[in-house]
Amino acid sequence: MTMKTRIRDQWQDPTRQASTEDNALALAYVCWQLALTSARNLHAEDFVYQDDTQRVAVIREYLVFLVHTADRLAFELLDQAQRALFMSSLAAGCARHLQRNTEEILGIKDYVEPFIDTLNQRNSEYGQCVFANGAPGYSLLRAFGERIQIVMGRDQTNRWVIDQVMEIDGPEAVAQLARSLQKLCATEKPSPKGGQR
């Protein structure tokens, strides 16, 4: 049974025209909610975390995957300049959520730099995988699922975690991310000169 979370992906004022950065920061919060829910869902499905460090590592991998996925989706929605600003703001926003929340659990230290390093590494890896028709292909879901499997381990309890991530949790998170991104981009301020795609 997949856990659900209420995703806040609309501005309270429906007439608001948000900036690219505003929308990126709003989507960063959506990514945080999705990553947290996905990590909780693994526990609800009887997969076992050894400790909070392992749980945070799963959340970080989900955040990285969702940022990468947002970039693939944004390619179709934003022009090049908007996309660059959007993605840098999104990554920074996700890093801030991870930093603030991880400090509360694991103590004060720098969690941003390892997150950005992991993001850069995974972007190279995931960038080789298929993403078509607004969805990750099998190769991308497998590469992501394998990353979660590595974090969770391959013991008797956790050895099927890759199937849960590839078949259920990963696709569901991407589908929600795509819906949220579409909603937020619909509020985008027009570019000064219309923008070239």
C-alpha atoms as a PDB file:
ATOM      1  CA  MET A   1       0.000   0.000   0.000  1.00  0.00           C
ATOM      2  CA  THR A   2       1.504   3.297  -1.086  1.00  0.00           C
ATOM      3  CA  MET A   3       1.418   6.130   1.430  1.00  0.00           C
ATOM      4  CA  LYS A   4      -0.058   9.383   0.162  1.00  0.00           C
ATOM      5  CA  THR A   5       0.920  12.896   1.072  1.00  0.00           C
ATOM      6  CA  ARG A   6      -0.832  16.161   0.364  1.00  0.00           C
ATOM      7  CA  ILE A   7       1.266  17.965  -2.226  1.00  0.00           C
ATOM      8  CA  ARG A   8       1.122  21.745  -2.165  1.00  0.00           C
ATOM      9  CA  ASP A   9       1.902  22.718  -5.737  1.00  0.00           C
ATOM     10  CA  GLN A  10      -0.392  25.677  -6.391  1.00  0.00           C
ATOM     11  CA  TRP A  11      -0.072  29.279  -5.332  1.00  0.00           C
ATOM     12  CA  GLN A  12      -2.831  30.470  -2.988  1.00  0.00           C
ATOM     13  CA  ASP A  13      -3.587  33.339  -5.371  1.00  0.00           C
ATOM     14  CA  PRO A  14      -4.643  31.636  -8.638  1.00  0.00           C
ATOM     15  CA  THR A  15      -3.961  34.838 -10.603  1.00  0.00           C
ATOM     16  CA  ARG A  16      -0.373  35.105  -9.379  1.00  0.00           C
ATOM     17  CA  GLN A  17       2.349  35.203 -12.016  1.00  0.00           C
ATOM     18  CA  ALA A  18       5.345  33.599 -10.346  1.00  0.00           C
ATOM     19  CA  SER A  19       8.973  34.046 -11.309  1.00  0.00           C
ATOM     20  CA  THR A  20      11.117  31.165 -12.515  1.00  0.00           C
ATOM     21  CA  GLU A  21      12.918  31.162  -9.170  1.00  0.00           C
ATOM     22  CA  ASP A  22       9.639  31.199  -7.208  1.00  0.00           C
ATOM     23  CA  ASN A  23       8.412  28.172  -9.119  1.00  0.00           C
ATOM     24  CA  ALA A  24      11.716  26.356  -8.707  1.00  0.00           C
ATOM     25  CA  LEU A  25      11.652  26.867  -4.944  1.00  0.00           C
ATOM     26  CA  ALA A  26       8.033  25.711  -4.805  1.00  0.00           C
ATOM     27  CA  LEU A  27       8.992  22.576  -6.747  1.00  0.00           C
ATOM     28  CA  ALA A  28      11.943  22.024  -4.401  1.00  0.00           C
ATOM     29  CA  TYR A  29       9.440  21.726  -1.573  1.00  0.00           C
ATOM     30  CA  VAL A  30       7.387  19.278  -3.658  1.00  0.00           C
ATOM     31  CA  CYS A  31      10.561  17.234  -4.251  1.00  0.00           C
ATOM     32  CA  TRP A  32      11.258  17.225  -0.518  1.00  0.00           C
ATOM     33  CA  GLN A  33       7.701  16.027   0.224  1.00  0.00           C
ATOM     34  CA  LEU A  34       7.958  13.284  -2.401  1.00  0.00           C
ATOM     35  CA  ALA A  35      11.373  12.121  -1.201  1.00  0.00           C
ATOM     36  CA  LEU A  36      10.235  12.003   2.411  1.00  0.00           C
ATOM     37  CA  THR A  37       7.017  10.161   1.543  1.00  0.00           C
ATOM     38  CA  SER A  38       8.915   7.655  -0.608  1.00  0.00           C
ATOM     39  CA  ALA A  39      11.363   6.933   2.208  1.00  0.00           C
ATOM     40  CA  ARG A  40       8.488   6.456   4.641  1.00  0.00           C
ATOM     41  CA  ASN A  41       6.723   4.215   2.162  1.00  0.00           C
ATOM     42  CA  LEU A  42       9.660   1.808   2.061  1.00  0.00           C
ATOM     43  CA  HIS A  43       9.314   1.415   5.830  1.00  0.00           C
ATOM     44  CA  ALA A  44       5.538   0.968   5.476  1.00  0.00           C
ATOM     45  CA  GLU A  45       6.221  -1.813   2.964  1.00  0.00           C
ATOM     46  CA  ASP A  46       8.307  -3.598   5.640  1.00  0.00           C
ATOM     47  CA  PHE A  47      11.738  -2.725   4.302  1.00  0.00           C
ATOM     48  CA  VAL A  48      14.071  -2.005   7.201  1.00  0.00           C
ATOM     49  CA  TYR A  49      16.358   0.960   7.877  1.00  0.00           C
ATOM     50  CA  GLN A  50      19.337   0.227  10.075  1.00  0.00           C
ATOM     51  CA  ASP A  51      19.519   3.826  11.296  1.00  0.00           C
ATOM     52  CA  ASP A  52      18.721   7.456  10.503  1.00  0.00           C
ATOM     53  CA  THR A  53      21.866   7.811   8.395  1.00  0.00           C
ATOM     54  CA  GLN A  54      20.560   5.151   6.024  1.00  0.00           C
ATOM     55  CA  ARG A  55      17.117   6.779   5.925  1.00  0.00           C
ATOM     56  CA  VAL A  56      18.638  10.182   5.081  1.00  0.00           C
ATOM     57  CA  ALA A  57      20.741   8.555   2.352  1.00  0.00           C
ATOM     58  CA  VAL A  58      17.553   7.207   0.738  1.00  0.00           C
ATOM     59  CA  ILE A  59      15.930  10.653   0.932  1.00  0.00           C
ATOM     60  CA  ARG A  60      19.038  12.193  -0.666  1.00  0.00           C
ATOM     61  CA  GLU A  61      18.968   9.662  -3.524  1.00  0.00           C
ATOM     62  CA  TYR A  62      15.291  10.414  -4.116  1.00  0.00           C
ATOM     63  CA  LEU A  63      15.962  14.158  -4.154  1.00  0.00           C
ATOM     64  CA  VAL A  64      18.774  13.691  -6.660  1.00  0.00           C
ATOM     65  CA  PHE A  65      16.588  11.509  -8.872  1.00  0.00           C
ATOM     66  CA  LEU A  66      13.714  14.016  -8.730  1.00  0.00           C
ATOM     67  CA  VAL A  67      15.966  16.968  -9.575  1.00  0.00           C
ATOM     68  CA  HIS A  68      17.347  15.047 -12.530  1.00  0.00           C
ATOM     69  CA  THR A  69      13.823  14.122 -13.627  1.00  0.00           C
ATOM     70  CA  ALA A  70      12.671  17.733 -13.304  1.00  0.00           C
ATOM     71  CA  ASP A  71      15.489  18.763 -15.632  1.00  0.00           C
ATOM     72  CA  ARG A  72      14.371  16.225 -18.235  1.00  0.00           C
ATOM     73  CA  LEU A  73      10.772  17.458 -17.927  1.00  0.00           C
ATOM     74  CA  ALA A  74      11.757  21.139 -17.983  1.00  0.00           C
ATOM     75  CA  PHE A  75      13.520  20.621 -21.300  1.00  0.00           C
ATOM     76  CA  GLU A  76      10.077  20.512 -22.924  1.00  0.00           C
ATOM     77  CA  LEU A  77       8.550  23.362 -20.912  1.00  0.00           C
ATOM     78  CA  LEU A  78      11.161  26.106 -20.529  1.00  0.00           C
ATOM     79  CA  ASP A  79      13.528  27.916 -22.837  1.00  0.00           C
ATOM     80  CA  GLN A  80      17.251  27.460 -22.312  1.00  0.00           C
ATOM     81  CA  ALA A  81      17.797  30.527 -20.091  1.00  0.00           C
ATOM     82  CA  GLN A  82      14.720  29.806 -17.962  1.00  0.00           C
ATOM     83  CA  ARG A  83      15.692  26.166 -17.600  1.00  0.00           C
ATOM     84  CA  ALA A  84      19.225  27.018 -16.412  1.00  0.00           C
ATOM     85  CA  LEU A  85      17.865  29.411 -13.772  1.00  0.00           C
ATOM     86  CA  PHE A  86      15.089  27.013 -12.813  1.00  0.00           C
ATOM     87  CA  MET A  87      17.411  24.058 -12.340  1.00  0.00           C
ATOM     88  CA  SER A  88      20.048  25.927 -10.334  1.00  0.00           C
ATOM     89  CA  SER A  89      17.310  27.319  -8.063  1.00  0.00           C
ATOM     90  CA  LEU A  90      15.666  23.886  -7.750  1.00  0.00           C
ATOM     91  CA  ALA A  91      18.929  22.164  -6.806  1.00  0.00           C
ATOM     92  CA  ALA A  92      19.747  24.896  -4.283  1.00  0.00           C
ATOM     93  CA  GLY A  93      16.250  24.684  -2.783  1.00  0.00           C
ATOM     94  CA  CYS A  94      16.444  20.894  -2.423  1.00  0.00           C
ATOM     95  CA  ALA A  95      19.895  21.206  -0.858  1.00  0.00           C
ATOM     96  CA  ARG A  96      18.529  23.689   1.712  1.00  0.00           C
ATOM     97  CA  HIS A  97      15.653  21.358   2.657  1.00  0.00           C
ATOM     98  CA  LEU A  98      18.087  18.476   3.049  1.00  0.00           C
ATOM     99  CA  GLN A  99      20.532  20.570   5.092  1.00  0.00           C
ATOM    100  CA  ARG A 100      17.937  21.933   7.497  1.00  0.00           C
ATOM    101  CA  ASN A 101      16.155  18.643   8.093  1.00  0.00           C
ATOM    102  CA  THR A 102      19.271  16.473   8.283  1.00  0.00           C
ATOM    103  CA  GLU A 103      20.841  18.794  10.855  1.00  0.00           C
ATOM    104  CA  GLU A 104      17.884  18.079  13.122  1.00  0.00           C
ATOM    105  CA  ILE A 105      18.456  14.322  12.827  1.00  0.00           C
ATOM    106  CA  LEU A 106      22.209  13.799  12.383  1.00  0.00           C
ATOM    107  CA  GLY A 107      23.708  16.992  13.800  1.00  0.00           C
ATOM    108  CA  ILE A 108      25.275  20.123  12.381  1.00  0.00           C
ATOM    109  CA  LYS A 109      27.687  19.706   9.472  1.00  0.00           C
ATOM    110  CA  ASP A 110      27.717  20.393   5.750  1.00  0.00           C
ATOM    111  CA  TYR A 111      25.200  18.213   3.905  1.00  0.00           C
ATOM    112  CA  VAL A 112      24.934  20.510   0.872  1.00  0.00           C
ATOM    113  CA  GLU A 113      28.284  19.774  -0.753  1.00  0.00           C
ATOM    114  CA  PRO A 114      27.831  15.970  -0.649  1.00  0.00           C
ATOM    115  CA  PHE A 115      24.334  16.445  -2.103  1.00  0.00           C
ATOM    116  CA  ILE A 116      25.626  18.571  -5.007  1.00  0.00           C
ATOM    117  CA  ASP A 117      28.497  16.117  -5.602  1.00  0.00           C
ATOM    118  CA  THR A 118      26.019  13.225  -5.707  1.00  0.00           C
ATOM    119  CA  LEU A 119      23.725  15.198  -8.015  1.00  0.00           C
ATOM    120  CA  ASN A 120      26.558  15.842 -10.458  1.00  0.00           C
ATOM    121  CA  GLN A 121      27.608  12.183 -10.414  1.00  0.00           C
ATOM    122  CA  ARG A 122      24.062  10.891 -10.897  1.00  0.00           C
ATOM    123  CA  ASN A 123      23.330  13.410 -13.663  1.00  0.00           C
ATOM    124  CA  SER A 124      26.211  11.908 -15.643  1.00  0.00           C
ATOM    125  CA  GLU A 125      24.940   8.399 -14.964  1.00  0.00           C
ATOM    126  CA  TYR A 126      21.223   9.052 -15.410  1.00  0.00           C
ATOM    127  CA  GLY A 127      21.829  11.235 -18.465  1.00  0.00           C
ATOM    128  CA  GLN A 128      22.801   8.095 -20.387  1.00  0.00           C
ATOM    129  CA  CYS A 129      19.372   6.575 -19.723  1.00  0.00           C
ATOM    130  CA  VAL A 130      16.181   6.858 -21.731  1.00  0.00           C
ATOM    131  CA  PHE A 131      13.568   9.457 -20.813  1.00  0.00           C
ATOM    132  CA  ALA A 132      10.711   9.661 -23.306  1.00  0.00           C
ATOM    133  CA  ASN A 133       7.124  10.930 -23.432  1.00  0.00           C
ATOM    134  CA  GLY A 134       7.499  12.616 -20.060  1.00  0.00           C
ATOM    135  CA  ALA A 135       8.545   9.471 -18.211  1.00  0.00           C
ATOM    136  CA  PRO A 136      11.741   7.665 -17.259  1.00  0.00           C
ATOM    137  CA  GLY A 137      12.540   4.556 -19.272  1.00  0.00           C
ATOM    138  CA  TYR A 138      13.365   1.186 -17.786  1.00  0.00           C
ATOM    139  CA  SER A 139      17.113   1.927 -17.788  1.00  0.00           C
ATOM    140  CA  LEU A 140      16.685   5.112 -15.721  1.00  0.00           C
ATOM    141  CA  LEU A 141      14.349   3.489 -13.207  1.00  0.00           C
ATOM    142  CA  ARG A 142      16.737   0.550 -12.915  1.00  0.00           C
ATOM    143  CA  ALA A 143      19.769   2.816 -12.376  1.00  0.00           C
ATOM    144  CA  PHE A 144      17.852   4.731  -9.699  1.00  0.00           C
ATOM    145  CA  GLY A 145      16.470   1.566  -8.092  1.00  0.00           C
ATOM    146  CA  GLU A 146      19.980   0.139  -7.930  1.00  0.00           C
ATOM    147  CA  ARG A 147      21.159   3.243  -6.045  1.00  0.00           C
ATOM    148  CA  ILE A 148      18.426   2.746  -3.448  1.00  0.00           C
ATOM    149  CA  GLN A 149      19.277  -0.967  -3.280  1.00  0.00           C
ATOM    150  CA  ILE A 150      22.926  -0.144  -2.561  1.00  0.00           C
ATOM    151  CA  VAL A 151      21.890   2.151   0.300  1.00  0.00           C
ATOM    152  CA  MET A 152      19.399  -0.343   1.758  1.00  0.00           C
ATOM    153  CA  GLY A 153      21.539  -3.452   1.303  1.00  0.00           C
ATOM    154  CA  ARG A 154      20.715  -6.871  -0.120  1.00  0.00           C
ATOM    155  CA  ASP A 155      19.858  -8.836   2.988  1.00  0.00           C
ATOM    156  CA  GLN A 156      16.796 -11.060   3.180  1.00  0.00           C
ATOM    157  CA  THR A 157      14.541  -8.190   4.269  1.00  0.00           C
ATOM    158  CA  ASN A 158      15.650  -5.557   1.768  1.00  0.00           C
ATOM    159  CA  ARG A 159      16.640  -7.565  -1.284  1.00  0.00           C
ATOM    160  CA  TRP A 160      13.417  -6.700  -3.174  1.00  0.00           C
ATOM    161  CA  VAL A 161      13.604  -2.954  -2.553  1.00  0.00           C
ATOM    162  CA  ILE A 162      14.702  -2.340  -6.158  1.00  0.00           C
ATOM    163  CA  ASP A 163      11.410  -3.811  -7.407  1.00  0.00           C
ATOM    164  CA  GLN A 164       9.385  -1.548  -5.100  1.00  0.00           C
ATOM    165  CA  VAL A 165      11.298   1.517  -6.307  1.00  0.00           C
ATOM    166  CA  MET A 166      11.255   0.633 -10.016  1.00  0.00           C
ATOM    167  CA  GLU A 167       7.680  -0.577 -10.289  1.00  0.00           C
ATOM    168  CA  ILE A 168       5.752   1.546  -7.793  1.00  0.00           C
ATOM    169  CA  ASP A 169       7.422   4.319  -5.806  1.00  0.00           C
ATOM    170  CA  GLY A 170       9.691   5.765  -8.521  1.00  0.00           C
ATOM    171  CA  PRO A 171       7.006   6.023 -11.235  1.00  0.00           C
ATOM    172  CA  GLU A 172       4.466   7.446  -8.766  1.00  0.00           C
ATOM    173  CA  ALA A 173       6.907  10.115  -7.588  1.00  0.00           C
ATOM    174  CA  VAL A 174       7.729  11.070 -11.183  1.00  0.00           C
ATOM    175  CA  ALA A 175       4.046  11.280 -12.139  1.00  0.00           C
ATOM    176  CA  GLN A 176       3.352  13.637  -9.230  1.00  0.00           C
ATOM    177  CA  LEU A 177       6.455  15.684  -9.999  1.00  0.00           C
ATOM    178  CA  ALA A 178       5.330  16.083 -13.623  1.00  0.00           C
ATOM    179  CA  ARG A 179       1.857  17.235 -12.538  1.00  0.00           C
ATOM    180  CA  SER A 180       3.323  19.732 -10.095  1.00  0.00           C
ATOM    181  CA  LEU A 181       5.802  21.089 -12.619  1.00  0.00           C
ATOM    182  CA  GLN A 182       3.030  21.598 -15.195  1.00  0.00           C
ATOM    183  CA  LYS A 183       0.882  23.455 -12.655  1.00  0.00           C
ATOM    184  CA  LEU A 184       3.716  25.693 -11.550  1.00  0.00           C
ATOM    185  CA  CYS A 185       4.917  26.466 -15.077  1.00  0.00           C
ATOM    186  CA  ALA A 186       1.385  27.551 -15.958  1.00  0.00           C
ATOM    187  CA  THR A 187       1.900  30.478 -13.548  1.00  0.00           C
ATOM    188  CA  GLU A 188       5.231  31.515 -15.105  1.00  0.00           C
ATOM    189  CA  LYS A 189       5.677  35.200 -15.906  1.00  0.00           C
ATOM    190  CA  PRO A 190       6.122  35.678 -19.650  1.00  0.00           C
ATOM    191  CA  SER A 191       9.704  36.274 -20.784  1.00  0.00           C
ATOM    192  CA  PRO A 192      10.501  39.935 -21.560  1.00  0.00           C
ATOM    193  CA  LYS A 193      10.721  39.252 -25.299  1.00  0.00           C
ATOM    194  CA  GLY A 194       8.727  36.073 -25.492  1.00  0.00           C
ATOM    195  CA  GLY A 195      11.805  33.862 -25.073  1.00  0.00           C
ATOM    196  CA  GLN A 196      13.163  31.456 -27.633  1.00  0.00           C
ATOM    197  CA  ARG A 197      12.778  27.754 -27.060  1.00  0.00           C
END
